[in-house]
Amino acid sequence: MKLITLLACSLHSSGLTSLGSLLHSVSQFQKTRRNVSLVRSAHKCLDSFEEEFKFGCYR
């Protein structure tokens, strides 16, 4: 979870919408791999992402 937060923060500081970027990555992964369990776990990460992002970036 920390790695995702760091990635999101770096994307955010680059001026990109980090959540949008993550969603794009997930959908790209979904298209290329079709790995249902990994996609589901990615969606679970995104569910708790907003809180992690707030605490990680705005401390």
PDB file of N, CA and C in Angstrom:
ATOM      1  N   MET A   1       0.833  -1.204   0.000  1.00  0.00           N
ATOM      2  CA  MET A   1       0.000   0.000   0.000  1.00  0.00           C
ATOM      3  C   MET A   1       0.868   1.254   0.000  1.00  0.00           C
ATOM      4  N   LYS A   2       1.989   1.220   0.724  1.00  0.00           N
ATOM      5  CA  LYS A   2       2.880   2.382   0.774  1.00  0.00           C
ATOM      6  C   LYS A   2       3.448   2.694  -0.604  1.00  0.00           C
ATOM      7  N   LEU A   3       3.802   1.635  -1.356  1.00  0.00           N
ATOM      8  CA  LEU A   3       4.360   1.837  -2.689  1.00  0.00           C
ATOM      9  C   LEU A   3       3.357   2.523  -3.601  1.00  0.00           C
ATOM     10  N   ILE A   4       2.095   2.093  -3.529  1.00  0.00           N
ATOM     11  CA  ILE A   4       1.039   2.719  -4.325  1.00  0.00           C
ATOM     12  C   ILE A   4       0.874   4.180  -3.935  1.00  0.00           C
ATOM     13  N   THR A   5       0.937   4.451  -2.636  1.00  0.00           N
ATOM     14  CA  THR A   5       0.816   5.834  -2.168  1.00  0.00           C
ATOM     15  C   THR A   5       1.958   6.690  -2.687  1.00  0.00           C
ATOM     16  N   LEU A   6       3.172   6.158  -2.622  1.00  0.00           N
ATOM     17  CA  LEU A   6       4.331   6.898  -3.129  1.00  0.00           C
ATOM     18  C   LEU A   6       4.215   7.144  -4.625  1.00  0.00           C
ATOM     19  N   LEU A   7       3.800   6.123  -5.359  1.00  0.00           N
ATOM     20  CA  LEU A   7       3.599   6.268  -6.795  1.00  0.00           C
ATOM     21  C   LEU A   7       2.559   7.332  -7.085  1.00  0.00           C
ATOM     22  N   ALA A   8       1.455   7.276  -6.352  1.00  0.00           N
ATOM     23  CA  ALA A   8       0.382   8.244  -6.544  1.00  0.00           C
ATOM     24  C   ALA A   8       0.852   9.655  -6.222  1.00  0.00           C
ATOM     25  N   CYS A   9       1.627   9.798  -5.153  1.00  0.00           N
ATOM     26  CA  CYS A   9       2.126  11.116  -4.778  1.00  0.00           C
ATOM     27  C   CYS A   9       3.068  11.662  -5.830  1.00  0.00           C
ATOM     28  N   SER A  10       3.909  10.810  -6.393  1.00  0.00           N
ATOM     29  CA  SER A  10       4.825  11.278  -7.429  1.00  0.00           C
ATOM     30  C   SER A  10       4.049  11.678  -8.681  1.00  0.00           C
ATOM     31  N   LEU A  11       3.014  10.904  -9.011  1.00  0.00           N
ATOM     32  CA  LEU A  11       2.163  11.276 -10.141  1.00  0.00           C
ATOM     33  C   LEU A  11       1.450  12.588  -9.865  1.00  0.00           C
ATOM     34  N   HIS A  12       0.974  12.732  -8.625  1.00  0.00           N
ATOM     35  CA  HIS A  12       0.255  13.940  -8.238  1.00  0.00           C
ATOM     36  C   HIS A  12       1.171  15.156  -8.338  1.00  0.00           C
ATOM     37  N   SER A  13       2.405  15.018  -7.869  1.00  0.00           N
ATOM     38  CA  SER A  13       3.338  16.140  -7.915  1.00  0.00           C
ATOM     39  C   SER A  13       3.773  16.442  -9.344  1.00  0.00           C
ATOM     40  N   SER A  14       3.621  15.476 -10.236  1.00  0.00           N
ATOM     41  CA  SER A  14       3.910  15.715 -11.648  1.00  0.00           C
ATOM     42  C   SER A  14       2.765  16.453 -12.330  1.00  0.00           C
ATOM     43  N   GLY A  15       1.681  16.686 -11.610  1.00  0.00           N
ATOM     44  CA  GLY A  15       0.548  17.412 -12.161  1.00  0.00           C
ATOM     45  C   GLY A  15      -0.475  16.515 -12.828  1.00  0.00           C
ATOM     46  N   LEU A  16      -0.345  15.214 -12.649  1.00  0.00           N
ATOM     47  CA  LEU A  16      -1.323  14.292 -13.215  1.00  0.00           C
ATOM     48  C   LEU A  16      -2.366  13.939 -12.167  1.00  0.00           C
ATOM     49  N   THR A  17      -3.510  13.499 -12.617  1.00  0.00           N
ATOM     50  CA  THR A  17      -4.517  12.995 -11.686  1.00  0.00           C
ATOM     51  C   THR A  17      -4.141  11.563 -11.348  1.00  0.00           C
ATOM     52  N   SER A  18      -3.674  11.371 -10.121  1.00  0.00           N
ATOM     53  CA  SER A  18      -3.104  10.079  -9.755  1.00  0.00           C
ATOM     54  C   SER A  18      -4.135   8.956  -9.791  1.00  0.00           C
ATOM     55  N   LEU A  19      -5.324   9.225  -9.293  1.00  0.00           N
ATOM     56  CA  LEU A  19      -6.351   8.189  -9.292  1.00  0.00           C
ATOM     57  C   LEU A  19      -6.735   7.820 -10.722  1.00  0.00           C
ATOM     58  N   GLY A  20      -6.853   8.825 -11.577  1.00  0.00           N
ATOM     59  CA  GLY A  20      -7.135   8.567 -12.987  1.00  0.00           C
ATOM     60  C   GLY A  20      -6.044   7.733 -13.636  1.00  0.00           C
ATOM     61  N   SER A  21      -4.795   8.046 -13.291  1.00  0.00           N
ATOM     62  CA  SER A  21      -3.674   7.287 -13.835  1.00  0.00           C
ATOM     63  C   SER A  21      -3.712   5.835 -13.376  1.00  0.00           C
ATOM     64  N   LEU A  22      -4.032   5.639 -12.101  1.00  0.00           N
ATOM     65  CA  LEU A  22      -4.132   4.278 -11.584  1.00  0.00           C
ATOM     66  C   LEU A  22      -5.264   3.510 -12.254  1.00  0.00           C
ATOM     67  N   LEU A  23      -6.407   4.163 -12.400  1.00  0.00           N
ATOM     68  CA  LEU A  23      -7.535   3.521 -13.072  1.00  0.00           C
ATOM     69  C   LEU A  23      -7.180   3.168 -14.506  1.00  0.00           C
ATOM     70  N   HIS A  24      -6.468   4.064 -15.177  1.00  0.00           N
ATOM     71  CA  HIS A  24      -6.028   3.797 -16.545  1.00  0.00           C
ATOM     72  C   HIS A  24      -5.097   2.585 -16.575  1.00  0.00           C
ATOM     73  N   SER A  25      -4.157   2.526 -15.629  1.00  0.00           N
ATOM     74  CA  SER A  25      -3.232   1.394 -15.557  1.00  0.00           C
ATOM     75  C   SER A  25      -3.979   0.088 -15.327  1.00  0.00           C
ATOM     76  N   VAL A  26      -4.964   0.137 -14.424  1.00  0.00           N
ATOM     77  CA  VAL A  26      -5.755  -1.060 -14.132  1.00  0.00           C
ATOM     78  C   VAL A  26      -6.523  -1.511 -15.369  1.00  0.00           C
ATOM     79  N   SER A  27      -7.134  -0.571 -16.084  1.00  0.00           N
ATOM     80  CA  SER A  27      -7.910  -0.952 -17.263  1.00  0.00           C
ATOM     81  C   SER A  27      -7.000  -1.467 -18.375  1.00  0.00           C
ATOM     82  N   GLN A  28      -5.818  -0.868 -18.532  1.00  0.00           N
ATOM     83  CA  GLN A  28      -4.850  -1.368 -19.507  1.00  0.00           C
ATOM     84  C   GLN A  28      -4.417  -2.784 -19.154  1.00  0.00           C
ATOM     85  N   PHE A  29      -4.152  -3.001 -17.864  1.00  0.00           N
ATOM     86  CA  PHE A  29      -3.764  -4.327 -17.394  1.00  0.00           C
ATOM     87  C   PHE A  29      -4.876  -5.332 -17.641  1.00  0.00           C
ATOM     88  N   GLN A  30      -6.111  -4.888 -17.394  1.00  0.00           N
ATOM     89  CA  GLN A  30      -7.275  -5.743 -17.593  1.00  0.00           C
ATOM     90  C   GLN A  30      -7.375  -6.169 -19.059  1.00  0.00           C
ATOM     91  N   LYS A  31      -7.116  -5.239 -19.969  1.00  0.00           N
ATOM     92  CA  LYS A  31      -7.178  -5.551 -21.394  1.00  0.00           C
ATOM     93  C   LYS A  31      -6.084  -6.533 -21.803  1.00  0.00           C
ATOM     94  N   THR A  32      -4.869  -6.338 -21.268  1.00  0.00           N
ATOM     95  CA  THR A  32      -3.751  -7.142 -21.746  1.00  0.00           C
ATOM     96  C   THR A  32      -3.675  -8.505 -21.086  1.00  0.00           C
ATOM     97  N   ARG A  33      -4.035  -8.602 -19.818  1.00  0.00           N
ATOM     98  CA  ARG A  33      -3.808  -9.834 -19.069  1.00  0.00           C
ATOM     99  C   ARG A  33      -5.056 -10.672 -18.825  1.00  0.00           C
ATOM    100  N   ARG A  34      -6.188 -10.029 -18.623  1.00  0.00           N
ATOM    101  CA  ARG A  34      -7.429 -10.745 -18.293  1.00  0.00           C
ATOM    102  C   ARG A  34      -7.290 -11.568 -17.022  1.00  0.00           C
ATOM    103  N   ASN A  35      -6.474 -11.096 -16.094  1.00  0.00           N
ATOM    104  CA  ASN A  35      -6.267 -11.840 -14.855  1.00  0.00           C
ATOM    105  C   ASN A  35      -7.249 -11.326 -13.808  1.00  0.00           C
ATOM    106  N   VAL A  36      -8.335 -12.060 -13.630  1.00  0.00           N
ATOM    107  CA  VAL A  36      -9.463 -11.573 -12.842  1.00  0.00           C
ATOM    108  C   VAL A  36      -9.087 -11.314 -11.385  1.00  0.00           C
ATOM    109  N   SER A  37      -8.345 -12.220 -10.785  1.00  0.00           N
ATOM    110  CA  SER A  37      -8.021 -12.059  -9.362  1.00  0.00           C
ATOM    111  C   SER A  37      -7.138 -10.842  -9.126  1.00  0.00           C
ATOM    112  N   LEU A  38      -6.174 -10.599 -10.002  1.00  0.00           N
ATOM    113  CA  LEU A  38      -5.326  -9.424  -9.851  1.00  0.00           C
ATOM    114  C   LEU A  38      -6.103  -8.144 -10.072  1.00  0.00           C
ATOM    115  N   VAL A  39      -7.009  -8.148 -11.030  1.00  0.00           N
ATOM    116  CA  VAL A  39      -7.840  -6.970 -11.272  1.00  0.00           C
ATOM    117  C   VAL A  39      -8.733  -6.689 -10.071  1.00  0.00           C
ATOM    118  N   ARG A  40      -9.297  -7.753  -9.496  1.00  0.00           N
ATOM    119  CA  ARG A  40     -10.136  -7.582  -8.302  1.00  0.00           C
ATOM    120  C   ARG A  40      -9.338  -7.002  -7.144  1.00  0.00           C
ATOM    121  N   SER A  41      -8.127  -7.494  -6.923  1.00  0.00           N
ATOM    122  CA  SER A  41      -7.319  -6.959  -5.826  1.00  0.00           C
ATOM    123  C   SER A  41      -6.919  -5.515  -6.106  1.00  0.00           C
ATOM    124  N   ALA A  42      -6.711  -5.184  -7.373  1.00  0.00           N
ATOM    125  CA  ALA A  42      -6.418  -3.795  -7.730  1.00  0.00           C
ATOM    126  C   ALA A  42      -7.609  -2.898  -7.414  1.00  0.00           C
ATOM    127  N   HIS A  43      -8.824  -3.384  -7.694  1.00  0.00           N
ATOM    128  CA  HIS A  43     -10.017  -2.604  -7.369  1.00  0.00           C
ATOM    129  C   HIS A  43     -10.176  -2.443  -5.855  1.00  0.00           C
ATOM    130  N   LYS A  44      -9.823  -3.477  -5.096  1.00  0.00           N
ATOM    131  CA  LYS A  44      -9.847  -3.355  -3.634  1.00  0.00           C
ATOM    132  C   LYS A  44      -8.861  -2.293  -3.170  1.00  0.00           C
ATOM    133  N   CYS A  45      -7.678  -2.254  -3.786  1.00  0.00           N
ATOM    134  CA  CYS A  45      -6.701  -1.213  -3.464  1.00  0.00           C
ATOM    135  C   CYS A  45      -7.275   0.164  -3.749  1.00  0.00           C
ATOM    136  N   LEU A  46      -7.953   0.306  -4.879  1.00  0.00           N
ATOM    137  CA  LEU A  46      -8.528   1.596  -5.241  1.00  0.00           C
ATOM    138  C   LEU A  46      -9.636   2.009  -4.282  1.00  0.00           C
ATOM    139  N   ASP A  47     -10.343   1.028  -3.714  1.00  0.00           N
ATOM    140  CA  ASP A  47     -11.385   1.347  -2.733  1.00  0.00           C
ATOM    141  C   ASP A  47     -10.813   2.074  -1.520  1.00  0.00           C
ATOM    142  N   SER A  48      -9.655   1.620  -1.037  1.00  0.00           N
ATOM    143  CA  SER A  48      -9.049   2.244   0.143  1.00  0.00           C
ATOM    144  C   SER A  48      -8.012   3.288  -0.235  1.00  0.00           C
ATOM    145  N   PHE A  49      -7.906   3.564  -1.528  1.00  0.00           N
ATOM    146  CA  PHE A  49      -6.843   4.443  -2.009  1.00  0.00           C
ATOM    147  C   PHE A  49      -7.006   5.884  -1.555  1.00  0.00           C
ATOM    148  N   GLU A  50      -8.226   6.394  -1.575  1.00  0.00           N
ATOM    149  CA  GLU A  50      -8.448   7.809  -1.289  1.00  0.00           C
ATOM    150  C   GLU A  50      -7.920   8.201   0.090  1.00  0.00           C
ATOM    151  N   GLU A  51      -8.233   7.392   1.111  1.00  0.00           N
ATOM    152  CA  GLU A  51      -7.751   7.678   2.460  1.00  0.00           C
ATOM    153  C   GLU A  51      -6.231   7.589   2.534  1.00  0.00           C
ATOM    154  N   GLU A  52      -5.662   6.539   1.954  1.00  0.00           N
ATOM    155  CA  GLU A  52      -4.205   6.380   1.926  1.00  0.00           C
ATOM    156  C   GLU A  52      -3.550   7.585   1.264  1.00  0.00           C
ATOM    157  N   PHE A  53      -4.158   8.038   0.179  1.00  0.00           N
ATOM    158  CA  PHE A  53      -3.608   9.163  -0.576  1.00  0.00           C
ATOM    159  C   PHE A  53      -3.613  10.434   0.262  1.00  0.00           C
ATOM    160  N   LYS A  54      -4.729  10.699   0.930  1.00  0.00           N
ATOM    161  CA  LYS A  54      -4.828  11.891   1.780  1.00  0.00           C
ATOM    162  C   LYS A  54      -3.778  11.871   2.886  1.00  0.00           C
ATOM    163  N   PHE A  55      -3.688  10.734   3.600  1.00  0.00           N
ATOM    164  CA  PHE A  55      -2.744  10.653   4.714  1.00  0.00           C
ATOM    165  C   PHE A  55      -1.307  10.652   4.222  1.00  0.00           C
ATOM    166  N   GLY A  56      -1.055  10.008   3.085  1.00  0.00           N
ATOM    167  CA  GLY A  56       0.308   9.917   2.577  1.00  0.00           C
ATOM    168  C   GLY A  56       0.833  11.223   2.016  1.00  0.00           C
ATOM    169  N   CYS A  57      -0.010  11.987   1.370  1.00  0.00           N
ATOM    170  CA  CYS A  57       0.451  13.176   0.648  1.00  0.00           C
ATOM    171  C   CYS A  57       0.305  14.464   1.435  1.00  0.00           C
ATOM    172  N   TYR A  58      -0.634  14.521   2.340  1.00  0.00           N
ATOM    173  CA  TYR A  58      -0.934  15.800   2.989  1.00  0.00           C
ATOM    174  C   TYR A  58      -0.623  15.784   4.479  1.00  0.00           C
ATOM    175  N   ARG A  59       0.388  14.997   4.867  1.00  0.00           N
ATOM    176  CA  ARG A  59       0.763  14.900   6.268  1.00  0.00           C
ATOM    177  C   ARG A  59       1.487  16.172   6.690  1.00  0.00           C
TER     178      ARG A  59
END
